[in-house]
Amino acid sequence: WFRQAAGNERESVAAISWSGGSTYYADSVKGRFTISRDNAK
């Protein structure tokens, strides 16, 4: 997931491996945002 605010460059927010076992969060969203995936869906 990335985001772009008006007048700003696009930035990375979060990422998740295809297994779901590894995640990445930008410092600005750690503890507030959660990324997840359902490969069956």
Full PDB file with SEQRES, HELIX, SHEET, SSBOND, CRYST1, ORIGX, SCALE, CONECT and MASTER records, all heavy atoms in Angstrom:
SEQRES   1 A   41  TRP PHE ARG GLN ALA ALA GLY ASN GLU ARG GLU SER VAL          
SEQRES   2 A   41  ALA ALA ILE SER TRP SER GLY GLY SER THR TYR TYR ALA          
SEQRES   3 A   41  ASP SER VAL LYS GLY ARG PHE THR ILE SER ARG ASP ASN          
SEQRES   4 A   41  ALA LYS                                                      
SHEET    1 AA1 2 PHE A   2  ARG A   3  0                                        
SHEET    2 AA1 2 GLU A  11  SER A  12 -1                                        
SHEET    1 AA2 2 ALA A  14  ILE A  16  0                                        
SHEET    2 AA2 2 THR A  23  TYR A  25 -1                                        
CRYST1    1.000    1.000    1.000  90.00  90.00  90.00 P 1           1          
ORIGX1      1.000000  0.000000  0.000000        0.00000                         
ORIGX2      0.000000  1.000000  0.000000        0.00000                         
ORIGX3      0.000000  0.000000  1.000000        0.00000                         
SCALE1      1.000000  0.000000  0.000000        0.00000                         
SCALE2      0.000000  1.000000  0.000000        0.00000                         
SCALE3      0.000000  0.000000  1.000000        0.00000                         
ATOM      1  N   TRP A   1       0.862  -1.183   0.000  1.00  0.00           N  
ATOM      2  CA  TRP A   1       0.000   0.000   0.000  1.00  0.00           C  
ATOM      3  C   TRP A   1       0.900   1.234   0.000  1.00  0.00           C  
ATOM      4  O   TRP A   1       1.858   1.325   0.776  1.00  0.00           O  
ATOM      5  CB  TRP A   1      -0.905   0.027   1.231  1.00  0.00           C  
ATOM      6  CG  TRP A   1      -2.026  -0.949   1.193  1.00  0.00           C  
ATOM      7  CD1 TRP A   1      -2.077  -2.183   1.780  1.00  0.00           C  
ATOM      8  CD2 TRP A   1      -3.287  -0.769   0.548  1.00  0.00           C  
ATOM      9  NE1 TRP A   1      -3.268  -2.782   1.515  1.00  0.00           N  
ATOM     10  CE2 TRP A   1      -4.048  -1.932   0.761  1.00  0.00           C  
ATOM     11  CE3 TRP A   1      -3.859   0.258  -0.213  1.00  0.00           C  
ATOM     12  CZ2 TRP A   1      -5.337  -2.104   0.265  1.00  0.00           C  
ATOM     13  CZ3 TRP A   1      -5.141   0.099  -0.706  1.00  0.00           C  
ATOM     14  CH2 TRP A   1      -5.859  -1.068  -0.469  1.00  0.00           C  
ATOM     15  N   PHE A   2       0.561   2.146  -0.871  1.00  0.00           N  
ATOM     16  CA  PHE A   2       1.250   3.423  -0.962  1.00  0.00           C  
ATOM     17  C   PHE A   2       0.221   4.535  -0.814  1.00  0.00           C  
ATOM     18  O   PHE A   2      -0.977   4.294  -0.966  1.00  0.00           O  
ATOM     19  CB  PHE A   2       1.958   3.563  -2.320  1.00  0.00           C  
ATOM     20  CG  PHE A   2       3.115   2.606  -2.504  1.00  0.00           C  
ATOM     21  CD1 PHE A   2       2.899   1.270  -2.785  1.00  0.00           C  
ATOM     22  CD2 PHE A   2       4.419   3.054  -2.400  1.00  0.00           C  
ATOM     23  CE1 PHE A   2       3.959   0.382  -2.953  1.00  0.00           C  
ATOM     24  CE2 PHE A   2       5.491   2.185  -2.576  1.00  0.00           C  
ATOM     25  CZ  PHE A   2       5.257   0.853  -2.849  1.00  0.00           C  
ATOM     26  N   ARG A   3       0.679   5.742  -0.556  1.00  0.00           N  
ATOM     27  CA  ARG A   3      -0.245   6.872  -0.500  1.00  0.00           C  
ATOM     28  C   ARG A   3       0.429   8.118  -1.054  1.00  0.00           C  
ATOM     29  O   ARG A   3       1.664   8.250  -1.015  1.00  0.00           O  
ATOM     30  CB  ARG A   3      -0.734   7.122   0.917  1.00  0.00           C  
ATOM     31  CG  ARG A   3       0.320   7.604   1.884  1.00  0.00           C  
ATOM     32  CD  ARG A   3      -0.256   7.696   3.295  1.00  0.00           C  
ATOM     33  NE  ARG A   3       0.720   8.184   4.262  1.00  0.00           N  
ATOM     34  CZ  ARG A   3       0.508   8.212   5.578  1.00  0.00           C  
ATOM     35  NH1 ARG A   3      -0.660   7.778   6.086  1.00  0.00           N  
ATOM     36  NH2 ARG A   3       1.431   8.680   6.390  1.00  0.00           N  
ATOM     37  N   GLN A   4      -0.410   9.015  -1.549  1.00  0.00           N  
ATOM     38  CA  GLN A   4       0.089  10.275  -2.073  1.00  0.00           C  
ATOM     39  C   GLN A   4      -0.842  11.388  -1.637  1.00  0.00           C  
ATOM     40  O   GLN A   4      -2.003  11.429  -2.045  1.00  0.00           O  
ATOM     41  CB  GLN A   4       0.202  10.240  -3.595  1.00  0.00           C  
ATOM     42  CG  GLN A   4       0.862  11.471  -4.176  1.00  0.00           C  
ATOM     43  CD  GLN A   4       1.202  11.304  -5.642  1.00  0.00           C  
ATOM     44  OE1 GLN A   4       0.628  10.479  -6.351  1.00  0.00           O  
ATOM     45  NE2 GLN A   4       2.162  12.086  -6.125  1.00  0.00           N  
ATOM     46  N   ALA A   5      -0.310  12.263  -0.803  1.00  0.00           N  
ATOM     47  CA  ALA A   5      -1.056  13.431  -0.375  1.00  0.00           C  
ATOM     48  C   ALA A   5      -0.854  14.549  -1.399  1.00  0.00           C  
ATOM     49  O   ALA A   5       0.135  14.568  -2.135  1.00  0.00           O  
ATOM     50  CB  ALA A   5      -0.578  13.880   0.996  1.00  0.00           C  
ATOM     51  N   ALA A   6      -1.791  15.456  -1.446  1.00  0.00           N  
ATOM     52  CA  ALA A   6      -1.726  16.560  -2.401  1.00  0.00           C  
ATOM     53  C   ALA A   6      -0.420  17.329  -2.245  1.00  0.00           C  
ATOM     54  O   ALA A   6      -0.055  17.727  -1.133  1.00  0.00           O  
ATOM     55  CB  ALA A   6      -2.913  17.496  -2.197  1.00  0.00           C  
ATOM     56  N   GLY A   7       0.287  17.484  -3.344  1.00  0.00           N  
ATOM     57  CA  GLY A   7       1.534  18.230  -3.330  1.00  0.00           C  
ATOM     58  C   GLY A   7       2.744  17.449  -2.867  1.00  0.00           C  
ATOM     59  O   GLY A   7       3.854  17.990  -2.822  1.00  0.00           O  
ATOM     60  N   ASN A   8       2.539  16.189  -2.511  1.00  0.00           N  
ATOM     61  CA  ASN A   8       3.639  15.351  -2.019  1.00  0.00           C  
ATOM     62  C   ASN A   8       3.933  14.208  -2.971  1.00  0.00           C  
ATOM     63  O   ASN A   8       3.107  13.854  -3.818  1.00  0.00           O  
ATOM     64  CB  ASN A   8       3.298  14.776  -0.642  1.00  0.00           C  
ATOM     65  CG  ASN A   8       3.287  15.822   0.441  1.00  0.00           C  
ATOM     66  OD1 ASN A   8       3.582  16.993   0.200  1.00  0.00           O  
ATOM     67  ND2 ASN A   8       2.929  15.416   1.643  1.00  0.00           N  
ATOM     68  N   GLU A   9       5.105  13.618  -2.815  1.00  0.00           N  
ATOM     69  CA  GLU A   9       5.432  12.422  -3.580  1.00  0.00           C  
ATOM     70  C   GLU A   9       4.728  11.215  -2.972  1.00  0.00           C  
ATOM     71  O   GLU A   9       4.373  11.208  -1.788  1.00  0.00           O  
ATOM     72  CB  GLU A   9       6.949  12.197  -3.579  1.00  0.00           C  
ATOM     73  CG  GLU A   9       7.724  13.274  -4.329  1.00  0.00           C  
ATOM     74  CD  GLU A   9       9.192  12.935  -4.446  1.00  0.00           C  
ATOM     75  OE1 GLU A   9       9.631  11.956  -3.832  1.00  0.00           O  
ATOM     76  OE2 GLU A   9       9.908  13.675  -5.154  1.00  0.00           O  
ATOM     77  N   ARG A  10       4.558  10.210  -3.796  1.00  0.00           N  
ATOM     78  CA  ARG A  10       3.954   8.976  -3.305  1.00  0.00           C  
ATOM     79  C   ARG A  10       4.932   8.293  -2.351  1.00  0.00           C  
ATOM     80  O   ARG A  10       6.141   8.273  -2.583  1.00  0.00           O  
ATOM     81  CB  ARG A  10       3.607   8.062  -4.475  1.00  0.00           C  
ATOM     82  CG  ARG A  10       2.759   6.868  -4.089  1.00  0.00           C  
ATOM     83  CD  ARG A  10       1.993   6.323  -5.269  1.00  0.00           C  
ATOM     84  NE  ARG A  10       2.799   5.991  -6.416  1.00  0.00           N  
ATOM     85  CZ  ARG A  10       2.312   5.637  -7.597  1.00  0.00           C  
ATOM     86  NH1 ARG A  10       1.009   5.585  -7.785  1.00  0.00           N  
ATOM     87  NH2 ARG A  10       3.124   5.348  -8.586  1.00  0.00           N  
ATOM     88  N   GLU A  11       4.405   7.730  -1.273  1.00  0.00           N  
ATOM     89  CA  GLU A  11       5.243   7.076  -0.270  1.00  0.00           C  
ATOM     90  C   GLU A  11       4.685   5.709   0.078  1.00  0.00           C  
ATOM     91  O   GLU A  11       3.486   5.456  -0.011  1.00  0.00           O  
ATOM     92  CB  GLU A  11       5.326   7.933   0.994  1.00  0.00           C  
ATOM     93  CG  GLU A  11       4.007   8.140   1.699  1.00  0.00           C  
ATOM     94  CD  GLU A  11       4.134   8.928   3.000  1.00  0.00           C  
ATOM     95  OE1 GLU A  11       5.256   9.250   3.416  1.00  0.00           O  
ATOM     96  OE2 GLU A  11       3.083   9.217   3.606  1.00  0.00           O  
ATOM     97  N   SER A  12       5.597   4.847   0.490  1.00  0.00           N  
ATOM     98  CA  SER A  12       5.209   3.511   0.918  1.00  0.00           C  
ATOM     99  C   SER A  12       4.586   3.568   2.303  1.00  0.00           C  
ATOM    100  O   SER A  12       5.082   4.270   3.186  1.00  0.00           O  
ATOM    101  CB  SER A  12       6.431   2.596   0.931  1.00  0.00           C  
ATOM    102  OG  SER A  12       6.105   1.331   1.434  1.00  0.00           O  
ATOM    103  N   VAL A  13       3.516   2.829   2.493  1.00  0.00           N  
ATOM    104  CA  VAL A  13       2.826   2.762   3.783  1.00  0.00           C  
ATOM    105  C   VAL A  13       3.056   1.410   4.448  1.00  0.00           C  
ATOM    106  O   VAL A  13       3.424   1.334   5.616  1.00  0.00           O  
ATOM    107  CB  VAL A  13       1.321   3.010   3.602  1.00  0.00           C  
ATOM    108  CG1 VAL A  13       0.578   2.816   4.920  1.00  0.00           C  
ATOM    109  CG2 VAL A  13       1.073   4.405   3.039  1.00  0.00           C  
ATOM    110  N   ALA A  14       2.831   0.333   3.690  1.00  0.00           N  
ATOM    111  CA  ALA A  14       2.947  -1.008   4.241  1.00  0.00           C  
ATOM    112  C   ALA A  14       3.125  -2.000   3.104  1.00  0.00           C  
ATOM    113  O   ALA A  14       2.755  -1.717   1.963  1.00  0.00           O  
ATOM    114  CB  ALA A  14       1.713  -1.373   5.061  1.00  0.00           C  
ATOM    115  N   ALA A  15       3.675  -3.160   3.437  1.00  0.00           N  
ATOM    116  CA  ALA A  15       3.833  -4.218   2.447  1.00  0.00           C  
ATOM    117  C   ALA A  15       3.757  -5.556   3.152  1.00  0.00           C  
ATOM    118  O   ALA A  15       4.033  -5.656   4.358  1.00  0.00           O  
ATOM    119  CB  ALA A  15       5.158  -4.079   1.700  1.00  0.00           C  
ATOM    120  N   ILE A  16       3.402  -6.588   2.383  1.00  0.00           N  
ATOM    121  CA  ILE A  16       3.272  -7.926   2.958  1.00  0.00           C  
ATOM    122  C   ILE A  16       3.768  -8.948   1.960  1.00  0.00           C  
ATOM    123  O   ILE A  16       3.509  -8.847   0.757  1.00  0.00           O  
ATOM    124  CB  ILE A  16       1.807  -8.202   3.370  1.00  0.00           C  
ATOM    125  CG1 ILE A  16       1.686  -9.516   4.130  1.00  0.00           C  
ATOM    126  CG2 ILE A  16       0.869  -8.160   2.170  1.00  0.00           C  
ATOM    127  CD1 ILE A  16       0.336  -9.683   4.838  1.00  0.00           C  
ATOM    128  N   SER A  17       4.523  -9.931   2.455  1.00  0.00           N  
ATOM    129  CA  SER A  17       5.018 -10.990   1.593  1.00  0.00           C  
ATOM    130  C   SER A  17       3.880 -11.866   1.114  1.00  0.00           C  
ATOM    131  O   SER A  17       2.774 -11.842   1.671  1.00  0.00           O  
ATOM    132  CB  SER A  17       6.033 -11.837   2.365  1.00  0.00           C  
ATOM    133  OG  SER A  17       5.411 -12.473   3.464  1.00  0.00           O  
ATOM    134  N   TRP A  18       4.156 -12.675   0.071  1.00  0.00           N  
ATOM    135  CA  TRP A  18       3.045 -13.471  -0.465  1.00  0.00           C  
ATOM    136  C   TRP A  18       2.579 -14.526   0.532  1.00  0.00           C  
ATOM    137  O   TRP A  18       1.428 -14.931   0.530  1.00  0.00           O  
ATOM    138  CB  TRP A  18       3.386 -14.081  -1.818  1.00  0.00           C  
ATOM    139  CG  TRP A  18       4.427 -15.177  -1.876  1.00  0.00           C  
ATOM    140  CD1 TRP A  18       5.706 -15.059  -2.339  1.00  0.00           C  
ATOM    141  CD2 TRP A  18       4.267 -16.560  -1.509  1.00  0.00           C  
ATOM    142  NE1 TRP A  18       6.352 -16.258  -2.276  1.00  0.00           N  
ATOM    143  CE2 TRP A  18       5.490 -17.217  -1.774  1.00  0.00           C  
ATOM    144  CE3 TRP A  18       3.220 -17.315  -0.982  1.00  0.00           C  
ATOM    145  CZ2 TRP A  18       5.690 -18.564  -1.534  1.00  0.00           C  
ATOM    146  CZ3 TRP A  18       3.413 -18.670  -0.742  1.00  0.00           C  
ATOM    147  CH2 TRP A  18       4.631 -19.267  -1.017  1.00  0.00           C  
ATOM    148  N   SER A  19       3.481 -14.951   1.437  1.00  0.00           N  
ATOM    149  CA  SER A  19       3.087 -15.925   2.449  1.00  0.00           C  
ATOM    150  C   SER A  19       2.317 -15.269   3.593  1.00  0.00           C  
ATOM    151  O   SER A  19       1.678 -15.951   4.395  1.00  0.00           O  
ATOM    152  CB  SER A  19       4.326 -16.607   3.016  1.00  0.00           C  
ATOM    153  OG  SER A  19       5.104 -15.682   3.757  1.00  0.00           O  
ATOM    154  N   GLY A  20       2.424 -13.938   3.692  1.00  0.00           N  
ATOM    155  CA  GLY A  20       1.810 -13.237   4.813  1.00  0.00           C  
ATOM    156  C   GLY A  20       2.669 -13.222   6.054  1.00  0.00           C  
ATOM    157  O   GLY A  20       2.315 -12.595   7.057  1.00  0.00           O  
ATOM    158  N   GLY A  21       3.813 -13.896   5.993  1.00  0.00           N  
ATOM    159  CA  GLY A  21       4.648 -14.024   7.179  1.00  0.00           C  
ATOM    160  C   GLY A  21       5.556 -12.848   7.455  1.00  0.00           C  
ATOM    161  O   GLY A  21       6.079 -12.710   8.560  1.00  0.00           O  
ATOM    162  N   SER A  22       5.760 -11.996   6.467  1.00  0.00           N  
ATOM    163  CA  SER A  22       6.624 -10.824   6.644  1.00  0.00           C  
ATOM    164  C   SER A  22       5.855  -9.572   6.265  1.00  0.00           C  
ATOM    165  O   SER A  22       5.141  -9.558   5.270  1.00  0.00           O  
ATOM    166  CB  SER A  22       7.868 -10.943   5.769  1.00  0.00           C  
ATOM    167  OG  SER A  22       8.652 -12.047   6.147  1.00  0.00           O  
ATOM    168  N   THR A  23       6.041  -8.545   7.072  1.00  0.00           N  
ATOM    169  CA  THR A  23       5.377  -7.268   6.802  1.00  0.00           C  
ATOM    170  C   THR A  23       6.347  -6.119   6.981  1.00  0.00           C  
ATOM    171  O   THR A  23       7.366  -6.239   7.672  1.00  0.00           O  
ATOM    172  CB  THR A  23       4.176  -7.034   7.723  1.00  0.00           C  
ATOM    173  OG1 THR A  23       4.595  -7.132   9.080  1.00  0.00           O  
ATOM    174  CG2 THR A  23       3.061  -8.041   7.455  1.00  0.00           C  
ATOM    175  N   TYR A  24       6.013  -5.031   6.357  1.00  0.00           N  
ATOM    176  CA  TYR A  24       6.768  -3.784   6.481  1.00  0.00           C  
ATOM    177  C   TYR A  24       5.771  -2.650   6.746  1.00  0.00           C  
ATOM    178  O   TYR A  24       4.674  -2.652   6.172  1.00  0.00           O  
ATOM    179  CB  TYR A  24       7.540  -3.478   5.189  1.00  0.00           C  
ATOM    180  CG  TYR A  24       7.901  -2.014   5.069  1.00  0.00           C  
ATOM    181  CD1 TYR A  24       9.030  -1.496   5.688  1.00  0.00           C  
ATOM    182  CD2 TYR A  24       7.067  -1.132   4.387  1.00  0.00           C  
ATOM    183  CE1 TYR A  24       9.334  -0.149   5.618  1.00  0.00           C  
ATOM    184  CE2 TYR A  24       7.362   0.220   4.309  1.00  0.00           C  
ATOM    185  CZ  TYR A  24       8.502   0.704   4.924  1.00  0.00           C  
ATOM    186  OH  TYR A  24       8.800   2.044   4.863  1.00  0.00           O  
ATOM    187  N   TYR A  25       6.166  -1.731   7.634  1.00  0.00           N  
ATOM    188  CA  TYR A  25       5.349  -0.550   7.883  1.00  0.00           C  
ATOM    189  C   TYR A  25       6.235   0.692   7.905  1.00  0.00           C  
ATOM    190  O   TYR A  25       7.346   0.662   8.467  1.00  0.00           O  
ATOM    191  CB  TYR A  25       4.624  -0.651   9.227  1.00  0.00           C  
ATOM    192  CG  TYR A  25       3.601  -1.746   9.287  1.00  0.00           C  
ATOM    193  CD1 TYR A  25       3.904  -2.981   9.847  1.00  0.00           C  
ATOM    194  CD2 TYR A  25       2.311  -1.550   8.772  1.00  0.00           C  
ATOM    195  CE1 TYR A  25       2.965  -4.000   9.895  1.00  0.00           C  
ATOM    196  CE2 TYR A  25       1.364  -2.559   8.820  1.00  0.00           C  
ATOM    197  CZ  TYR A  25       1.710  -3.778   9.375  1.00  0.00           C  
ATOM    198  OH  TYR A  25       0.777  -4.784   9.421  1.00  0.00           O  
ATOM    199  N   ALA A  26       5.745   1.752   7.333  1.00  0.00           N  
ATOM    200  CA  ALA A  26       6.422   3.034   7.485  1.00  0.00           C  
ATOM    201  C   ALA A  26       6.336   3.459   8.952  1.00  0.00           C  
ATOM    202  O   ALA A  26       5.366   3.128   9.645  1.00  0.00           O  
ATOM    203  CB  ALA A  26       5.761   4.079   6.592  1.00  0.00           C  
ATOM    204  N   ASP A  27       7.335   4.167   9.411  1.00  0.00           N  
ATOM    205  CA  ASP A  27       7.370   4.591  10.808  1.00  0.00           C  
ATOM    206  C   ASP A  27       6.123   5.400  11.174  1.00  0.00           C  
ATOM    207  O   ASP A  27       5.630   5.313  12.307  1.00  0.00           O  
ATOM    208  CB  ASP A  27       8.617   5.427  11.077  1.00  0.00           C  
ATOM    209  CG  ASP A  27       9.882   4.596  11.101  1.00  0.00           C  
ATOM    210  OD1 ASP A  27       9.781   3.356  11.230  1.00  0.00           O  
ATOM    211  OD2 ASP A  27      10.971   5.172  10.985  1.00  0.00           O  
ATOM    212  N   SER A  28       5.614   6.155  10.237  1.00  0.00           N  
ATOM    213  CA  SER A  28       4.484   7.043  10.512  1.00  0.00           C  
ATOM    214  C   SER A  28       3.186   6.300  10.791  1.00  0.00           C  
ATOM    215  O   SER A  28       2.241   6.889  11.333  1.00  0.00           O  
ATOM    216  CB  SER A  28       4.277   8.005   9.340  1.00  0.00           C  
ATOM    217  OG  SER A  28       4.047   7.287   8.145  1.00  0.00           O  
ATOM    218  N   VAL A  29       3.126   5.010  10.441  1.00  0.00           N  
ATOM    219  CA  VAL A  29       1.873   4.261  10.631  1.00  0.00           C  
ATOM    220  C   VAL A  29       2.032   3.061  11.547  1.00  0.00           C  
ATOM    221  O   VAL A  29       1.042   2.382  11.854  1.00  0.00           O  
ATOM    222  CB  VAL A  29       1.288   3.797   9.278  1.00  0.00           C  
ATOM    223  CG1 VAL A  29       1.130   4.974   8.327  1.00  0.00           C  
ATOM    224  CG2 VAL A  29       2.125   2.694   8.650  1.00  0.00           C  
ATOM    225  N   LYS A  30       3.234   2.792  12.007  1.00  0.00           N  
ATOM    226  CA  LYS A  30       3.463   1.644  12.888  1.00  0.00           C  
ATOM    227  C   LYS A  30       2.596   1.740  14.129  1.00  0.00           C  
ATOM    228  O   LYS A  30       2.503   2.796  14.758  1.00  0.00           O  
ATOM    229  CB  LYS A  30       4.937   1.573  13.291  1.00  0.00           C  
ATOM    230  CG  LYS A  30       5.835   0.949  12.254  1.00  0.00           C  
ATOM    231  CD  LYS A  30       7.275   0.874  12.744  1.00  0.00           C  
ATOM    232  CE  LYS A  30       8.165   0.291  11.676  1.00  0.00           C  
ATOM    233  NZ  LYS A  30       9.599   0.308  12.092  1.00  0.00           N  
ATOM    234  N   GLY A  31       1.973   0.629  14.475  1.00  0.00           N  
ATOM    235  CA  GLY A  31       1.112   0.582  15.652  1.00  0.00           C  
ATOM    236  C   GLY A  31      -0.307   1.051  15.391  1.00  0.00           C  
ATOM    237  O   GLY A  31      -1.179   0.887  16.250  1.00  0.00           O  
ATOM    238  N   ARG A  32      -0.547   1.643  14.220  1.00  0.00           N  
ATOM    239  CA  ARG A  32      -1.899   2.123  13.886  1.00  0.00           C  
ATOM    240  C   ARG A  32      -2.493   1.371  12.689  1.00  0.00           C  
ATOM    241  O   ARG A  32      -3.706   1.153  12.639  1.00  0.00           O  
ATOM    242  CB  ARG A  32      -1.854   3.613  13.560  1.00  0.00           C  
ATOM    243  CG  ARG A  32      -1.354   4.485  14.706  1.00  0.00           C  
ATOM    244  CD  ARG A  32      -1.532   5.966  14.393  1.00  0.00           C  
ATOM    245  NE  ARG A  32      -0.773   6.389  13.213  1.00  0.00           N  
ATOM    246  CZ  ARG A  32      -1.325   6.948  12.145  1.00  0.00           C  
ATOM    247  NH1 ARG A  32      -2.635   7.134  12.073  1.00  0.00           N  
ATOM    248  NH2 ARG A  32      -0.561   7.314  11.119  1.00  0.00           N  
ATOM    249  N   PHE A  33      -1.664   1.017  11.734  1.00  0.00           N  
ATOM    250  CA  PHE A  33      -2.132   0.347  10.517  1.00  0.00           C  
ATOM    251  C   PHE A  33      -1.705  -1.115  10.545  1.00  0.00           C  
ATOM    252  O   PHE A  33      -0.640  -1.454  11.067  1.00  0.00           O  
ATOM    253  CB  PHE A  33      -1.533   0.994   9.272  1.00  0.00           C  
ATOM    254  CG  PHE A  33      -2.045   2.366   8.946  1.00  0.00           C  
ATOM    255  CD1 PHE A  33      -2.815   3.096   9.845  1.00  0.00           C  
ATOM    256  CD2 PHE A  33      -1.752   2.943   7.725  1.00  0.00           C  
ATOM    257  CE1 PHE A  33      -3.275   4.362   9.543  1.00  0.00           C  
ATOM    258  CE2 PHE A  33      -2.196   4.208   7.386  1.00  0.00           C  
ATOM    259  CZ  PHE A  33      -2.962   4.916   8.307  1.00  0.00           C  
ATOM    260  N   THR A  34      -2.545  -1.969   9.956  1.00  0.00           N  
ATOM    261  CA  THR A  34      -2.221  -3.389   9.831  1.00  0.00           C  
ATOM    262  C   THR A  34      -2.535  -3.848   8.418  1.00  0.00           C  
ATOM    263  O   THR A  34      -3.655  -3.663   7.936  1.00  0.00           O  
ATOM    264  CB  THR A  34      -3.029  -4.230  10.823  1.00  0.00           C  
ATOM    265  OG1 THR A  34      -2.764  -3.781  12.164  1.00  0.00           O  
ATOM    266  CG2 THR A  34      -2.652  -5.706  10.711  1.00  0.00           C  
ATOM    267  N   ILE A  35      -1.543  -4.454   7.787  1.00  0.00           N  
ATOM    268  CA  ILE A  35      -1.738  -5.027   6.454  1.00  0.00           C  
ATOM    269  C   ILE A  35      -1.943  -6.526   6.596  1.00  0.00           C  
ATOM    270  O   ILE A  35      -1.299  -7.174   7.431  1.00  0.00           O  
ATOM    271  CB  ILE A  35      -0.544  -4.705   5.526  1.00  0.00           C  
ATOM    272  CG1 ILE A  35      -0.852  -5.119   4.083  1.00  0.00           C  
ATOM    273  CG2 ILE A  35       0.748  -5.339   6.040  1.00  0.00           C  
ATOM    274  CD1 ILE A  35       0.191  -4.643   3.076  1.00  0.00           C  
ATOM    275  N   SER A  36      -2.831  -7.074   5.815  1.00  0.00           N  
ATOM    276  CA  SER A  36      -3.088  -8.516   5.820  1.00  0.00           C  
ATOM    277  C   SER A  36      -3.540  -8.923   4.433  1.00  0.00           C  
ATOM    278  O   SER A  36      -3.838  -8.082   3.585  1.00  0.00           O  
ATOM    279  CB  SER A  36      -4.136  -8.877   6.871  1.00  0.00           C  
ATOM    280  OG  SER A  36      -5.374  -8.242   6.583  1.00  0.00           O  
ATOM    281  N   ARG A  37      -3.572 -10.225   4.202  1.00  0.00           N  
ATOM    282  CA  ARG A  37      -4.003 -10.716   2.898  1.00  0.00           C  
ATOM    283  C   ARG A  37      -4.719 -12.037   3.052  1.00  0.00           C  
ATOM    284  O   ARG A  37      -4.457 -12.808   3.984  1.00  0.00           O  
ATOM    285  CB  ARG A  37      -2.818 -10.850   1.942  1.00  0.00           C  
ATOM    286  CG  ARG A  37      -1.794 -11.898   2.313  1.00  0.00           C  
ATOM    287  CD  ARG A  37      -0.552 -11.784   1.445  1.00  0.00           C  
ATOM    288  NE  ARG A  37      -0.834 -12.054   0.047  1.00  0.00           N  
ATOM    289  CZ  ARG A  37      -0.017 -11.705  -0.951  1.00  0.00           C  
ATOM    290  NH1 ARG A  37       1.104 -11.048  -0.693  1.00  0.00           N  
ATOM    291  NH2 ARG A  37      -0.325 -12.004  -2.199  1.00  0.00           N  
ATOM    292  N   ASP A  38      -5.598 -12.296   2.112  1.00  0.00           N  
ATOM    293  CA  ASP A  38      -6.317 -13.563   2.037  1.00  0.00           C  
ATOM    294  C   ASP A  38      -6.093 -14.077   0.620  1.00  0.00           C  
ATOM    295  O   ASP A  38      -6.763 -13.629  -0.320  1.00  0.00           O  
ATOM    296  CB  ASP A  38      -7.800 -13.358   2.337  1.00  0.00           C  
ATOM    297  CG  ASP A  38      -8.570 -14.653   2.392  1.00  0.00           C  
ATOM    298  OD1 ASP A  38      -8.108 -15.653   1.797  1.00  0.00           O  
ATOM    299  OD2 ASP A  38      -9.636 -14.677   3.012  1.00  0.00           O  
ATOM    300  N   ASN A  39      -5.147 -14.992   0.471  1.00  0.00           N  
ATOM    301  CA  ASN A  39      -4.810 -15.467  -0.870  1.00  0.00           C  
ATOM    302  C   ASN A  39      -5.956 -16.251  -1.511  1.00  0.00           C  
ATOM    303  O   ASN A  39      -6.074 -16.297  -2.736  1.00  0.00           O  
ATOM    304  CB  ASN A  39      -3.530 -16.314  -0.824  1.00  0.00           C  
ATOM    305  CG  ASN A  39      -2.297 -15.460  -0.586  1.00  0.00           C  
ATOM    306  OD1 ASN A  39      -2.303 -14.249  -0.764  1.00  0.00           O  
ATOM    307  ND2 ASN A  39      -1.216 -16.105  -0.153  1.00  0.00           N  
ATOM    308  N   ALA A  40      -6.780 -16.864  -0.700  1.00  0.00           N  
ATOM    309  CA  ALA A  40      -7.933 -17.597  -1.251  1.00  0.00           C  
ATOM    310  C   ALA A  40      -8.937 -16.648  -1.893  1.00  0.00           C  
ATOM    311  O   ALA A  40      -9.659 -17.030  -2.815  1.00  0.00           O  
ATOM    312  CB  ALA A  40      -8.611 -18.409  -0.156  1.00  0.00           C  
ATOM    313  N   LYS A  41      -8.968 -15.406  -1.393  1.00  0.00           N  
ATOM    314  CA  LYS A  41      -9.885 -14.403  -1.938  1.00  0.00           C  
ATOM    315  C   LYS A  41      -9.198 -13.411  -2.848  1.00  0.00           C  
ATOM    316  O   LYS A  41      -9.822 -12.454  -3.318  1.00  0.00           O  
ATOM    317  CB  LYS A  41     -10.581 -13.661  -0.798  1.00  0.00           C  
ATOM    318  CG  LYS A  41     -11.477 -14.526   0.053  1.00  0.00           C  
ATOM    319  CD  LYS A  41     -12.182 -13.696   1.133  1.00  0.00           C  
ATOM    320  CE  LYS A  41     -13.120 -14.569   1.956  1.00  0.00           C  
ATOM    321  NZ  LYS A  41     -13.820 -13.788   3.007  1.00  0.00           N  
TER     322      LYS A  41                                                      
MASTER        0    0    0    0    4    0    0    6  321    1    0    4          
END                                                                             
